[in-house]
Protein backbone atom coordinates (compact mmCIF):
# COMPACT_ATOMS: atom_id res chain seq x y z
CA MET A 1 12.92 10.77 10.48
CA LYS A 2 11.98 13.79 12.54
CA LEU A 3 8.38 12.59 12.84
CA ASN A 4 9.53 9.11 13.89
CA SER A 5 11.65 10.62 16.67
CA MET A 6 8.72 12.76 17.81
CA ILE A 7 6.41 9.74 17.90
CA GLN A 8 8.96 7.77 19.94
CA SER A 9 9.38 10.67 22.35
CA ILE A 10 5.68 10.49 23.29
CA GLY A 11 5.91 6.80 24.14
CA MET A 12 5.81 4.63 21.03
CA THR A 13 8.37 1.84 21.19
CA LYS A 14 10.69 0.93 18.30
CA ARG A 15 8.72 -2.27 17.78
CA GLN A 16 5.42 -0.36 17.57
CA LEU A 17 6.96 2.16 15.18
CA ARG A 18 8.32 -0.62 12.94
CA SER A 19 4.94 -2.34 12.95
CA MET A 20 3.19 0.91 12.07
CA LEU A 21 5.56 1.58 9.17
CA ILE A 22 5.17 -1.97 7.82
CA ASP A 23 1.36 -1.76 8.04
CA GLU A 24 1.39 1.62 6.31
CA GLY A 25 3.63 0.29 3.53
CA LEU A 26 1.43 -2.75 2.98
CA TYR A 27 -1.66 -0.54 2.90
CA TYR A 28 -0.18 1.73 0.24
CA ALA A 29 1.15 -1.20 -1.82
CA GLY A 30 -2.19 -3.02 -1.69
CA SER A 31 -4.25 0.03 -2.55
CA THR A 32 -1.90 0.86 -5.44
CA LEU A 33 -2.18 -2.68 -6.83
CA LEU A 34 -5.96 -2.61 -6.56
CA GLU A 35 -6.21 0.81 -8.16
CA SER A 36 -3.87 -0.25 -11.00
CA TYR A 37 -5.95 -3.34 -11.67
CA VAL A 38 -9.20 -1.37 -11.75
CA MET A 39 -7.76 1.33 -14.01
CA GLY A 40 -6.31 -1.31 -16.33
CA ALA A 41 -9.64 -3.12 -16.50
CA LEU A 42 -11.42 0.12 -17.31
CA ALA A 43 -8.87 1.02 -19.98
CA HIS A 44 -9.09 -2.42 -21.60
CA PRO A 45 -12.49 -4.00 -20.92
CA HIS A 46 -11.49 -7.38 -22.40
CA MET A 47 -8.90 -8.15 -19.71
CA ASP A 48 -10.66 -11.28 -18.52
CA GLY A 49 -7.84 -13.76 -19.13
CA ARG A 50 -9.21 -15.11 -22.41
CA LYS A 51 -7.37 -14.63 -25.66
CA HIS A 52 -9.39 -12.87 -28.34
CA TRP A 53 -7.65 -13.86 -31.56
């Protein structure tokens, strides 16, 4: 919260701050999903959607 107040004090509006926080959250969520998928694929190389019975 302290950082948000400091950023607003130098001229960032509440709308810009909200947009920045949403973009940052989406970036972290997307990169986490991608990294999880890659690590899962490396851990189990047959994760191609086909069933291997």
